[in-house]
C-alpha atoms as a PDB file:
ATOM      1  CA  UNK A   1     -22.312  67.344 175.223  1.00  0.00           C
ATOM      2  CA  UNK A   2     -19.604  65.309 176.897  1.00  0.00           C
ATOM      3  CA  UNK A   3     -17.000  67.958 176.076  1.00  0.00           C
ATOM      4  CA  UNK A   4     -19.271  70.543 177.687  1.00  0.00           C
ATOM      5  CA  UNK A   5     -19.417  68.417 180.825  1.00  0.00           C
ATOM      6  CA  UNK A   6     -15.652  68.278 180.914  1.00  0.00           C
ATOM      7  CA  UNK A   7     -15.407  72.040 180.398  1.00  0.00           C
ATOM      8  CA  UNK A   8     -17.778  72.638 183.298  1.00  0.00           C
ATOM      9  CA  UNK A   9     -15.908  70.161 185.492  1.00  0.00           C
ATOM     10  CA  UNK A  10     -12.576  71.896 184.831  1.00  0.00           C
ATOM     11  CA  UNK A  11     -14.110  75.283 185.607  1.00  0.00           C
ATOM     12  CA  UNK A  12     -15.515  74.029 188.881  1.00  0.00           C
ATOM     13  CA  UNK A  13     -12.271  72.417 189.939  1.00  0.00           C
ATOM     14  CA  UNK A  14     -10.576  75.709 189.391  1.00  0.00           C
ATOM     15  CA  UNK A  15     -13.142  77.481 191.505  1.00  0.00           C
ATOM     16  CA  UNK A  16     -13.178  74.927 194.298  1.00  0.00           C
ATOM     17  CA  UNK A  17      -9.282  73.895 195.364  1.00  0.00           C
ATOM     18  CA  UNK A  18     -38.496  69.066 201.467  1.00  0.00           C
ATOM     19  CA  UNK A  19     -39.500  68.408 199.490  1.00  0.00           C
ATOM     20  CA  UNK A  20     -41.687  69.532 196.617  1.00  0.00           C
ATOM     21  CA  UNK A  21     -44.920  68.227 195.050  1.00  0.00           C
ATOM     22  CA  UNK A  22     -46.242  68.575 191.498  1.00  0.00           C
ATOM     23  CA  UNK A  23     -47.996  71.748 190.348  1.00  0.00           C
ATOM     24  CA  UNK A  24     -50.497  71.100 187.587  1.00  0.00           C
ATOM     25  CA  UNK A  25     -52.251  74.478 187.286  1.00  0.00           C
ATOM     26  CA  UNK A  26     -49.905  76.246 184.830  1.00  0.00           C
ATOM     27  CA  UNK A  27     -51.862  78.530 182.524  1.00  0.00           C
ATOM     28  CA  UNK A  28     -49.333  80.529 180.507  1.00  0.00           C
ATOM     29  CA  UNK A  29     -46.087  79.386 178.877  1.00  0.00           C
ATOM     30  CA  UNK A  30     -43.527  82.059 177.985  1.00  0.00           C
ATOM     31  CA  UNK A  31     -41.030  81.851 175.163  1.00  0.00           C
ATOM     32  CA  UNK A  32     -38.362  80.308 177.395  1.00  0.00           C
ATOM     33  CA  UNK A  33     -40.681  77.409 178.244  1.00  0.00           C
ATOM     34  CA  UNK A  34     -41.349  78.221 181.892  1.00  0.00           C
ATOM     35  CA  UNK A  35     -44.963  78.653 182.903  1.00  0.00           C
ATOM     36  CA  UNK A  36     -46.711  81.288 184.956  1.00  0.00           C
ATOM     37  CA  UNK A  37     -49.917  81.749 186.916  1.00  0.00           C
ATOM     38  CA  UNK A  38     -51.812  85.054 186.880  1.00  0.00           C
ATOM     39  CA  UNK A  39     -48.870  87.256 185.936  1.00  0.00           C
ATOM     40  CA  UNK A  40     -46.243  85.370 187.924  1.00  0.00           C
ATOM     41  CA  UNK A  41     -43.354  83.458 186.396  1.00  0.00           C
ATOM     42  CA  UNK A  42     -41.962  80.198 187.725  1.00  0.00           C
ATOM     43  CA  UNK A  43     -38.323  81.137 188.128  1.00  0.00           C
ATOM     44  CA  UNK A  44     -35.486  78.962 189.434  1.00  0.00           C
ATOM     45  CA  UNK A  45     -33.165  80.881 191.737  1.00  0.00           C
ATOM     46  CA  UNK A  46     -29.960  79.583 193.326  1.00  0.00           C
ATOM     47  CA  UNK A  47     -29.347  80.140 197.030  1.00  0.00           C
ATOM     48  CA  UNK A  48     -26.746  79.071 199.571  1.00  0.00           C
ATOM     49  CA  UNK A  49     -28.116  76.613 202.127  1.00  0.00           C
ATOM     50  CA  UNK A  50     -27.269  76.768 205.825  1.00  0.00           C
ATOM     51  CA  UNK A  51     -25.068  73.710 205.278  1.00  0.00           C
ATOM     52  CA  UNK A  52     -23.064  75.543 202.598  1.00  0.00           C
ATOM     53  CA  UNK A  53     -24.565  74.016 199.442  1.00  0.00           C
ATOM     54  CA  UNK A  54     -25.777  75.937 196.399  1.00  0.00           C
ATOM     55  CA  UNK A  55     -29.338  74.776 195.735  1.00  0.00           C
ATOM     56  CA  UNK A  56     -31.981  75.540 193.064  1.00  0.00           C
ATOM     57  CA  UNK A  57     -35.325  76.798 194.345  1.00  0.00           C
ATOM     58  CA  UNK A  58     -38.370  77.605 192.236  1.00  0.00           C
ATOM     59  CA  UNK A  59     -40.068  80.863 193.188  1.00  0.00           C
ATOM     60  CA  UNK A  60     -43.077  82.551 191.619  1.00  0.00           C
ATOM     61  CA  UNK A  61     -42.028  86.126 190.878  1.00  0.00           C
ATOM     62  CA  UNK A  62     -44.067  88.894 189.243  1.00  0.00           C
ATOM     63  CA  UNK A  63     -43.701  88.961 185.482  1.00  0.00           C
ATOM     64  CA  UNK A  64     -42.060  92.155 184.218  1.00  0.00           C
ATOM     65  CA  UNK A  65     -39.763  93.367 181.507  1.00  0.00           C
ATOM     66  CA  UNK A  66     -36.167  92.720 182.480  1.00  0.00           C
ATOM     67  CA  UNK A  67     -37.178  89.587 184.384  1.00  0.00           C
ATOM     68  CA  UNK A  68     -33.550  88.372 184.567  1.00  0.00           C
ATOM     69  CA  UNK A  69     -32.500  91.474 186.449  1.00  0.00           C
ATOM     70  CA  UNK A  70     -35.564  91.186 188.649  1.00  0.00           C
ATOM     71  CA  UNK A  71     -34.663  87.588 189.511  1.00  0.00           C
ATOM     72  CA  UNK A  72     -31.277  88.681 190.840  1.00  0.00           C
ATOM     73  CA  UNK A  73     -32.965  91.109 193.231  1.00  0.00           C
ATOM     74  CA  UNK A  74     -34.133  88.149 195.338  1.00  0.00           C
ATOM     75  CA  UNK A  75     -30.502  87.130 195.896  1.00  0.00           C
ATOM     76  CA  UNK A  76     -29.492  90.438 197.497  1.00  0.00           C
ATOM     77  CA  UNK A  77     -29.171  90.557 201.289  1.00  0.00           C
ATOM     78  CA  UNK A  78     -32.152  92.749 202.156  1.00  0.00           C
ATOM     79  CA  UNK A  79     -34.487  92.392 205.129  1.00  0.00           C
ATOM     80  CA  UNK A  80     -37.390  90.794 203.260  1.00  0.00           C
ATOM     81  CA  UNK A  81     -35.159  88.493 201.227  1.00  0.00           C
ATOM     82  CA  UNK A  82     -33.132  87.464 204.252  1.00  0.00           C
ATOM     83  CA  UNK A  83     -36.132  86.654 206.417  1.00  0.00           C
ATOM     84  CA  UNK A  84     -38.037  84.631 203.840  1.00  0.00           C
ATOM     85  CA  UNK A  85     -34.918  82.736 202.736  1.00  0.00           C
ATOM     86  CA  UNK A  86     -33.826  81.908 206.294  1.00  0.00           C
ATOM     87  CA  UNK A  87     -37.210  80.320 206.986  1.00  0.00           C
ATOM     88  CA  UNK A  88     -36.257  77.666 204.417  1.00  0.00           C
ATOM     89  CA  UNK A  89     -32.685  77.270 205.636  1.00  0.00           C
ATOM     90  CA  UNK A  90     -31.403  79.408 202.757  1.00  0.00           C
ATOM     91  CA  UNK A  91     -29.104  82.399 202.493  1.00  0.00           C
ATOM     92  CA  UNK A  92     -28.857  85.206 199.967  1.00  0.00           C
ATOM     93  CA  UNK A  93     -25.532  85.480 198.135  1.00  0.00           C
ATOM     94  CA  UNK A  94     -25.160  89.152 197.159  1.00  0.00           C
ATOM     95  CA  UNK A  95     -24.160  91.464 200.040  1.00  0.00           C
ATOM     96  CA  UNK A  96     -26.437  94.280 201.157  1.00  0.00           C
ATOM     97  CA  UNK A  97     -25.904  97.432 199.133  1.00  0.00           C
ATOM     98  CA  UNK A  98     -24.905  95.609 195.945  1.00  0.00           C
ATOM     99  CA  UNK A  99     -26.359  97.207 192.819  1.00  0.00           C
ATOM    100  CA  UNK A 100     -26.072  95.843 189.305  1.00  0.00           C
ATOM    101  CA  UNK A 101     -26.851  96.314 185.652  1.00  0.00           C
ATOM    102  CA  UNK A 102     -27.642  93.542 183.203  1.00  0.00           C
ATOM    103  CA  UNK A 103     -27.455  93.586 179.432  1.00  0.00           C
ATOM    104  CA  UNK A 104     -28.192  90.533 177.288  1.00  0.00           C
ATOM    105  CA  UNK A 105     -26.486  90.365 173.905  1.00  0.00           C
ATOM    106  CA  UNK A 106     -27.674  88.734 170.696  1.00  0.00           C
ATOM    107  CA  UNK A 107     -25.056  86.044 171.334  1.00  0.00           C
ATOM    108  CA  UNK A 108     -26.951  85.086 174.534  1.00  0.00           C
ATOM    109  CA  UNK A 109     -24.137  86.367 176.738  1.00  0.00           C
ATOM    110  CA  UNK A 110     -25.390  88.369 179.722  1.00  0.00           C
ATOM    111  CA  UNK A 111     -23.094  91.225 180.734  1.00  0.00           C
ATOM    112  CA  UNK A 112     -23.544  91.643 184.488  1.00  0.00           C
ATOM    113  CA  UNK A 113     -21.884  94.596 186.196  1.00  0.00           C
ATOM    114  CA  UNK A 114     -21.833  94.343 189.990  1.00  0.00           C
ATOM    115  CA  UNK A 115     -21.658  97.782 191.562  1.00  0.00           C
ATOM    116  CA  UNK A 116     -20.400  98.304 195.097  1.00  0.00           C
ATOM    117  CA  UNK A 117     -19.802  94.618 195.786  1.00  0.00           C
ATOM    118  CA  UNK A 118     -18.321  94.345 199.264  1.00  0.00           C
ATOM    119  CA  UNK A 119     -15.824  91.729 200.413  1.00  0.00           C
ATOM    120  CA  UNK A 120     -17.578  88.383 200.821  1.00  0.00           C
ATOM    121  CA  UNK A 121     -15.086  87.247 203.435  1.00  0.00           C
ATOM    122  CA  UNK A 122     -13.895  83.949 201.963  1.00  0.00           C
ATOM    123  CA  UNK A 123     -13.249  82.105 198.739  1.00  0.00           C
ATOM    124  CA  UNK A 124     -16.116  79.746 199.536  1.00  0.00           C
ATOM    125  CA  UNK A 125     -18.620  82.599 199.718  1.00  0.00           C
ATOM    126  CA  UNK A 126     -17.209  84.112 196.531  1.00  0.00           C
ATOM    127  CA  UNK A 127     -17.556  80.811 194.696  1.00  0.00           C
ATOM    128  CA  UNK A 128     -21.103  80.359 195.971  1.00  0.00           C
ATOM    129  CA  UNK A 129     -22.034  83.868 194.833  1.00  0.00           C
ATOM    130  CA  UNK A 130     -20.606  83.393 191.341  1.00  0.00           C
ATOM    131  CA  UNK A 131     -22.247  79.973 190.934  1.00  0.00           C
ATOM    132  CA  UNK A 132     -25.575  81.242 192.225  1.00  0.00           C
ATOM    133  CA  UNK A 133     -25.671  84.318 190.003  1.00  0.00           C
ATOM    134  CA  UNK A 134     -24.473  82.572 186.839  1.00  0.00           C
ATOM    135  CA  UNK A 135     -26.777  79.565 187.242  1.00  0.00           C
ATOM    136  CA  UNK A 136     -29.777  81.770 188.057  1.00  0.00           C
ATOM    137  CA  UNK A 137     -29.296  83.807 184.895  1.00  0.00           C
ATOM    138  CA  UNK A 138     -28.626  80.698 182.801  1.00  0.00           C
ATOM    139  CA  UNK A 139     -32.102  79.426 183.704  1.00  0.00           C
ATOM    140  CA  UNK A 140     -33.469  81.954 181.206  1.00  0.00           C
ATOM    141  CA  UNK A 141     -33.711  80.783 177.607  1.00  0.00           C
ATOM    142  CA  UNK A 142     -32.191  84.045 176.368  1.00  0.00           C
ATOM    143  CA  UNK A 143     -28.949  83.488 178.326  1.00  0.00           C
ATOM    144  CA  UNK A 144     -26.244  80.872 177.724  1.00  0.00           C
ATOM    145  CA  UNK A 145     -23.246  82.515 179.383  1.00  0.00           C
ATOM    146  CA  UNK A 146     -22.516  85.347 181.812  1.00  0.00           C
ATOM    147  CA  UNK A 147     -19.659  87.845 181.895  1.00  0.00           C
ATOM    148  CA  UNK A 148     -19.164  89.610 185.234  1.00  0.00           C
ATOM    149  CA  UNK A 149     -17.512  92.996 185.716  1.00  0.00           C
ATOM    150  CA  UNK A 150     -17.028  95.023 188.890  1.00  0.00           C
ATOM    151  CA  UNK A 151     -17.946  98.723 188.890  1.00  0.00           C
ATOM    152  CA  UNK A 152     -17.687  98.751 185.118  1.00  0.00           C
ATOM    153  CA  UNK A 153     -14.214  97.175 185.014  1.00  0.00           C
ATOM    154  CA  UNK A 154     -13.097  93.731 183.909  1.00  0.00           C
ATOM    155  CA  UNK A 155     -11.167  91.870 186.599  1.00  0.00           C
ATOM    156  CA  UNK A 156      -9.595  88.437 186.555  1.00  0.00           C
ATOM    157  CA  UNK A 157     -10.533  87.429 190.084  1.00  0.00           C
ATOM    158  CA  UNK A 158     -12.364  88.482 193.230  1.00  0.00           C
ATOM    159  CA  UNK A 159     -10.359  89.444 196.357  1.00  0.00           C
ATOM    160  CA  UNK A 160     -10.185  85.851 197.662  1.00  0.00           C
ATOM    161  CA  UNK A 161      -9.082  84.388 194.351  1.00  0.00           C
ATOM    162  CA  UNK A 162     -12.303  83.296 192.642  1.00  0.00           C
ATOM    163  CA  UNK A 163     -11.804  83.675 188.901  1.00  0.00           C
ATOM    164  CA  UNK A 164     -14.443  85.659 187.021  1.00  0.00           C
ATOM    165  CA  UNK A 165     -12.709  86.499 183.759  1.00  0.00           C
ATOM    166  CA  UNK A 166     -14.334  85.563 180.473  1.00  0.00           C
ATOM    167  CA  UNK A 167     -17.744  84.109 179.743  1.00  0.00           C
ATOM    168  CA  UNK A 168     -19.072  81.593 182.263  1.00  0.00           C
ATOM    169  CA  UNK A 169     -21.708  78.951 181.613  1.00  0.00           C
ATOM    170  CA  UNK A 170     -23.753  77.231 184.325  1.00  0.00           C
ATOM    171  CA  UNK A 171     -21.594  75.442 186.880  1.00  0.00           C
ATOM    172  CA  UNK A 172     -22.066  71.899 188.185  1.00  0.00           C
ATOM    173  CA  UNK A 173     -23.241  72.118 191.770  1.00  0.00           C
ATOM    174  CA  UNK A 174     -21.562  70.966 194.966  1.00  0.00           C
ATOM    175  CA  UNK A 175     -18.881  68.847 193.360  1.00  0.00           C
ATOM    176  CA  UNK A 176     -17.538  65.979 195.421  1.00  0.00           C
ATOM    177  CA  UNK A 177     -13.867  65.151 195.635  1.00  0.00           C
ATOM    178  CA  UNK A 178     -13.426  62.437 192.992  1.00  0.00           C
ATOM    179  CA  UNK A 179     -12.285  58.948 193.901  1.00  0.00           C
ATOM    180  CA  UNK A 180      -8.620  58.235 193.333  1.00  0.00           C
ATOM    181  CA  UNK A 181      -9.358  55.981 190.359  1.00  0.00           C
ATOM    182  CA  UNK A 182     -11.371  58.639 188.536  1.00  0.00           C
ATOM    183  CA  UNK A 183      -9.335  60.466 185.912  1.00  0.00           C
ATOM    184  CA  UNK A 184     -10.722  64.001 185.971  1.00  0.00           C
ATOM    185  CA  UNK A 185      -9.798  64.951 182.410  1.00  0.00           C
ATOM    186  CA  UNK A 186     -11.918  62.097 181.036  1.00  0.00           C
ATOM    187  CA  UNK A 187     -14.583  61.893 183.724  1.00  0.00           C
ATOM    188  CA  UNK A 188     -18.343  62.162 183.402  1.00  0.00           C
ATOM    189  CA  UNK A 189     -20.424  64.370 185.669  1.00  0.00           C
ATOM    190  CA  UNK A 190     -23.457  62.784 187.325  1.00  0.00           C
ATOM    191  CA  UNK A 191     -25.909  64.843 189.382  1.00  0.00           C
ATOM    192  CA  UNK A 192     -27.309  63.099 192.448  1.00  0.00           C
ATOM    193  CA  UNK A 193     -29.908  64.495 194.857  1.00  0.00           C
ATOM    194  CA  UNK A 194     -29.810  64.034 198.619  1.00  0.00           C
ATOM    195  CA  UNK A 195     -31.926  65.561 201.403  1.00  0.00           C
ATOM    196  CA  UNK A 196     -30.210  67.883 203.836  1.00  0.00           C
ATOM    197  CA  UNK A 197     -30.129  66.914 207.502  1.00  0.00           C
ATOM    198  CA  UNK A 198     -33.312  68.827 208.347  1.00  0.00           C
ATOM    199  CA  UNK A 199     -35.163  67.252 205.415  1.00  0.00           C
ATOM    200  CA  UNK A 200     -36.188  70.684 204.129  1.00  0.00           C
ATOM    201  CA  UNK A 201     -34.192  70.713 200.873  1.00  0.00           C
ATOM    202  CA  UNK A 202     -33.201  68.425 198.022  1.00  0.00           C
ATOM    203  CA  UNK A 203     -29.534  69.161 197.409  1.00  0.00           C
ATOM    204  CA  UNK A 204     -27.892  68.423 194.044  1.00  0.00           C
ATOM    205  CA  UNK A 205     -24.406  66.956 194.234  1.00  0.00           C
ATOM    206  CA  UNK A 206     -22.029  66.455 191.304  1.00  0.00           C
ATOM    207  CA  UNK A 207     -20.150  63.164 191.353  1.00  0.00           C
ATOM    208  CA  UNK A 208     -17.445  62.316 188.819  1.00  0.00           C
ATOM    209  CA  UNK A 209     -17.388  58.799 187.379  1.00  0.00           C
ATOM    210  CA  UNK A 210     -15.402  56.961 184.753  1.00  0.00           C
ATOM    211  CA  UNK A 211     -18.497  55.807 182.860  1.00  0.00           C
ATOM    212  CA  UNK A 212     -21.199  57.733 181.045  1.00  0.00           C
ATOM    213  CA  UNK A 213     -24.281  58.140 183.267  1.00  0.00           C
ATOM    214  CA  UNK A 214     -27.098  55.646 182.784  1.00  0.00           C
ATOM    215  CA  UNK A 215     -30.239  55.087 184.824  1.00  0.00           C
ATOM    216  CA  UNK A 216     -28.663  51.987 186.328  1.00  0.00           C
ATOM    217  CA  UNK A 217     -25.391  53.677 187.250  1.00  0.00           C
ATOM    218  CA  UNK A 218     -27.280  56.664 188.675  1.00  0.00           C
ATOM    219  CA  UNK A 219     -29.263  54.457 191.055  1.00  0.00           C
ATOM    220  CA  UNK A 220     -26.153  52.579 192.136  1.00  0.00           C
ATOM    221  CA  UNK A 221     -24.309  55.817 192.868  1.00  0.00           C
ATOM    222  CA  UNK A 222     -27.321  57.231 194.718  1.00  0.00           C
ATOM    223  CA  UNK A 223     -27.534  54.178 196.970  1.00  0.00           C
ATOM    224  CA  UNK A 224     -23.907  54.720 198.007  1.00  0.00           C
ATOM    225  CA  UNK A 225     -25.056  57.889 199.750  1.00  0.00           C
ATOM    226  CA  UNK A 226     -23.461  61.342 199.971  1.00  0.00           C
ATOM    227  CA  UNK A 227     -19.852  62.091 200.786  1.00  0.00           C
ATOM    228  CA  UNK A 228     -20.580  65.522 202.238  1.00  0.00           C
ATOM    229  CA  UNK A 229     -21.494  66.078 205.869  1.00  0.00           C
ATOM    230  CA  UNK A 230     -24.838  67.831 206.148  1.00  0.00           C
ATOM    231  CA  UNK A 231     -26.586  65.481 203.726  1.00  0.00           C
ATOM    232  CA  UNK A 232     -28.490  62.253 204.323  1.00  0.00           C
ATOM    233  CA  UNK A 233     -28.908  58.983 202.476  1.00  0.00           C
ATOM    234  CA  UNK A 234     -32.685  58.496 202.304  1.00  0.00           C
ATOM    235  CA  UNK A 235     -32.263  54.815 201.448  1.00  0.00           C
ATOM    236  CA  UNK A 236     -31.984  52.473 204.454  1.00  0.00           C
ATOM    237  CA  UNK A 237     -28.710  50.663 204.967  1.00  0.00           C
ATOM    238  CA  UNK A 238     -28.458  47.506 202.915  1.00  0.00           C
ATOM    239  CA  UNK A 239     -30.828  48.652 200.178  1.00  0.00           C
ATOM    240  CA  UNK A 240     -29.727  47.253 196.820  1.00  0.00           C
ATOM    241  CA  UNK A 241     -30.956  47.740 193.268  1.00  0.00           C
ATOM    242  CA  UNK A 242     -32.276  44.485 191.853  1.00  0.00           C
ATOM    243  CA  UNK A 243     -33.130  45.903 188.442  1.00  0.00           C
ATOM    244  CA  UNK A 244     -34.415  48.858 186.456  1.00  0.00           C
ATOM    245  CA  UNK A 245     -36.473  49.280 183.302  1.00  0.00           C
ATOM    246  CA  UNK A 246     -37.390  52.324 181.218  1.00  0.00           C
ATOM    247  CA  UNK A 247     -39.755  52.928 178.325  1.00  0.00           C
ATOM    248  CA  UNK A 248     -41.490  56.045 176.997  1.00  0.00           C
ATOM    249  CA  UNK A 249     -40.664  58.154 180.029  1.00  0.00           C
ATOM    250  CA  UNK A 250     -41.750  55.549 182.582  1.00  0.00           C
ATOM    251  CA  UNK A 251     -39.096  54.083 184.865  1.00  0.00           C
ATOM    252  CA  UNK A 252     -39.493  51.114 187.187  1.00  0.00           C
ATOM    253  CA  UNK A 253     -36.837  50.600 189.864  1.00  0.00           C
ATOM    254  CA  UNK A 254     -36.727  47.307 191.738  1.00  0.00           C
ATOM    255  CA  UNK A 255     -35.135  47.494 195.197  1.00  0.00           C
ATOM    256  CA  UNK A 256     -34.338  44.909 197.845  1.00  0.00           C
ATOM    257  CA  UNK A 257     -36.488  44.276 200.942  1.00  0.00           C
ATOM    258  CA  UNK A 258     -34.218  46.502 203.038  1.00  0.00           C
ATOM    259  CA  UNK A 259     -35.900  49.507 201.445  1.00  0.00           C
ATOM    260  CA  UNK A 260     -39.088  48.831 203.441  1.00  0.00           C
ATOM    261  CA  UNK A 261     -37.379  50.319 206.484  1.00  0.00           C
ATOM    262  CA  UNK A 262     -38.310  53.770 205.121  1.00  0.00           C
ATOM    263  CA  UNK A 263     -41.668  53.158 206.821  1.00  0.00           C
ATOM    264  CA  UNK A 264     -40.010  53.514 210.225  1.00  0.00           C
ATOM    265  CA  UNK A 265     -39.299  57.254 209.857  1.00  0.00           C
ATOM    266  CA  UNK A 266     -41.919  59.826 208.919  1.00  0.00           C
ATOM    267  CA  UNK A 267     -41.102  61.567 205.641  1.00  0.00           C
ATOM    268  CA  UNK A 268     -38.304  59.205 204.661  1.00  0.00           C
ATOM    269  CA  UNK A 269     -40.340  57.532 201.900  1.00  0.00           C
ATOM    270  CA  UNK A 270     -40.978  60.893 200.232  1.00  0.00           C
ATOM    271  CA  UNK A 271     -37.323  61.851 200.666  1.00  0.00           C
ATOM    272  CA  UNK A 272     -36.193  58.637 198.981  1.00  0.00           C
ATOM    273  CA  UNK A 273     -38.703  59.060 196.161  1.00  0.00           C
ATOM    274  CA  UNK A 274     -37.610  62.674 195.576  1.00  0.00           C
ATOM    275  CA  UNK A 275     -33.941  61.697 195.524  1.00  0.00           C
ATOM    276  CA  UNK A 276     -34.590  58.890 193.082  1.00  0.00           C
ATOM    277  CA  UNK A 277     -36.938  60.828 190.794  1.00  0.00           C
ATOM    278  CA  UNK A 278     -34.758  63.948 190.554  1.00  0.00           C
ATOM    279  CA  UNK A 279     -31.592  61.921 190.001  1.00  0.00           C
ATOM    280  CA  UNK A 280     -33.105  59.775 187.245  1.00  0.00           C
ATOM    281  CA  UNK A 281     -34.735  62.783 185.571  1.00  0.00           C
ATOM    282  CA  UNK A 282     -31.271  64.251 185.132  1.00  0.00           C
ATOM    283  CA  UNK A 283     -30.277  61.227 183.041  1.00  0.00           C
ATOM    284  CA  UNK A 284     -33.479  60.526 181.072  1.00  0.00           C
ATOM    285  CA  UNK A 285     -36.827  62.343 180.782  1.00  0.00           C
ATOM    286  CA  UNK A 286     -39.065  60.870 183.489  1.00  0.00           C
ATOM    287  CA  UNK A 287     -42.832  61.218 183.592  1.00  0.00           C
ATOM    288  CA  UNK A 288     -43.633  58.192 185.759  1.00  0.00           C
ATOM    289  CA  UNK A 289     -41.506  56.510 188.412  1.00  0.00           C
ATOM    290  CA  UNK A 290     -42.604  53.248 189.994  1.00  0.00           C
ATOM    291  CA  UNK A 291     -40.699  51.657 192.840  1.00  0.00           C
ATOM    292  CA  UNK A 292     -40.925  47.910 193.343  1.00  0.00           C
ATOM    293  CA  UNK A 293     -39.567  45.903 196.227  1.00  0.00           C
ATOM    294  CA  UNK A 294     -38.384  42.383 195.401  1.00  0.00           C
ATOM    295  CA  UNK A 295     -40.336  42.545 192.150  1.00  0.00           C
ATOM    296  CA  UNK A 296     -43.645  43.691 193.650  1.00  0.00           C
ATOM    297  CA  UNK A 297     -45.146  47.207 193.538  1.00  0.00           C
ATOM    298  CA  UNK A 298     -44.442  48.968 196.799  1.00  0.00           C
ATOM    299  CA  UNK A 299     -47.947  50.233 197.541  1.00  0.00           C
ATOM    300  CA  UNK A 300     -46.987  52.122 200.693  1.00  0.00           C
ATOM    301  CA  UNK A 301     -44.735  54.374 198.666  1.00  0.00           C
ATOM    302  CA  UNK A 302     -47.235  54.883 195.853  1.00  0.00           C
ATOM    303  CA  UNK A 303     -49.939  55.990 198.309  1.00  0.00           C
ATOM    304  CA  UNK A 304     -47.829  58.540 200.169  1.00  0.00           C
ATOM    305  CA  UNK A 305     -45.587  60.205 197.591  1.00  0.00           C
ATOM    306  CA  UNK A 306     -45.875  62.714 194.772  1.00  0.00           C
ATOM    307  CA  UNK A 307     -43.403  63.390 191.978  1.00  0.00           C
ATOM    308  CA  UNK A 308     -41.414  66.629 192.357  1.00  0.00           C
ATOM    309  CA  UNK A 309     -41.730  69.075 189.491  1.00  0.00           C
ATOM    310  CA  UNK A 310     -38.833  71.112 190.904  1.00  0.00           C
ATOM    311  CA  UNK A 311     -36.037  70.131 193.271  1.00  0.00           C
ATOM    312  CA  UNK A 312     -37.265  72.740 195.769  1.00  0.00           C
ATOM    313  CA  UNK A 313     -40.068  75.280 195.852  1.00  0.00           C
ATOM    314  CA  UNK A 314     -40.145  78.646 197.588  1.00  0.00           C
ATOM    315  CA  UNK A 315     -43.247  79.192 199.660  1.00  0.00           C
ATOM    316  CA  UNK A 316     -42.846  82.911 200.335  1.00  0.00           C
END
């Protein structure tokens, strides 16, 4: 697993020189483990946010044969897609007029041929497109890797230099520049979640550290806040972790009194809870998260917040 992290980190470094409540009404579970309601499948798609971050968003899409290909259709710049995505501060990643074919092999490699792909204008947009498409397809249990061709031909790179040769697995998202003391060839990838400035999205950020991620280290890194502009630290200044415990999927995080300042801003308590829950769930399976302040249950938070089943959910 650690070697896979390192492989993904190297790939990303080469490429790069709100909130949601629980849904408990799932009725059907398909073979890939994702549930559906009344003929719709809960499908995680990857979009580009207005701030320039690639973000996962769960959308209910009609169940049909060739669901992987159907999922990509929501990422194409068409009027309906553009309008519904922009309402959430999201952007589609495949230019208008792009067609594609998709074939999934027995080896779980998806061969994606992009037909008529126009110039995306910059390396950043190319990288976002590749990450979005690959990670969207990799959400399906039948797909582990993706191989991209253009108009039926294998190419090493897109016009602005983004490499697309070979099989690509899911990429770590929105990787921060590592600290000087972090040695990248032996680093661990930790995914942290921060709200964007409008509070409409939970944005995953990949931070490299010298130690293997633990629940304790994840909280400490989260409290440091984001390095990227366009993201917010939902934890008030001065908030410290006093302790953390975990057993049978239940985590209890004990924070200092400074955390109570979340009460001063509407929605900040939910933002902090989402950030904490999603970050910890990436390290250990979490079914219950309790937040204490100076050793006592923080009732204000428990009354107002719900645990996110997905980082973000698509309303339209």
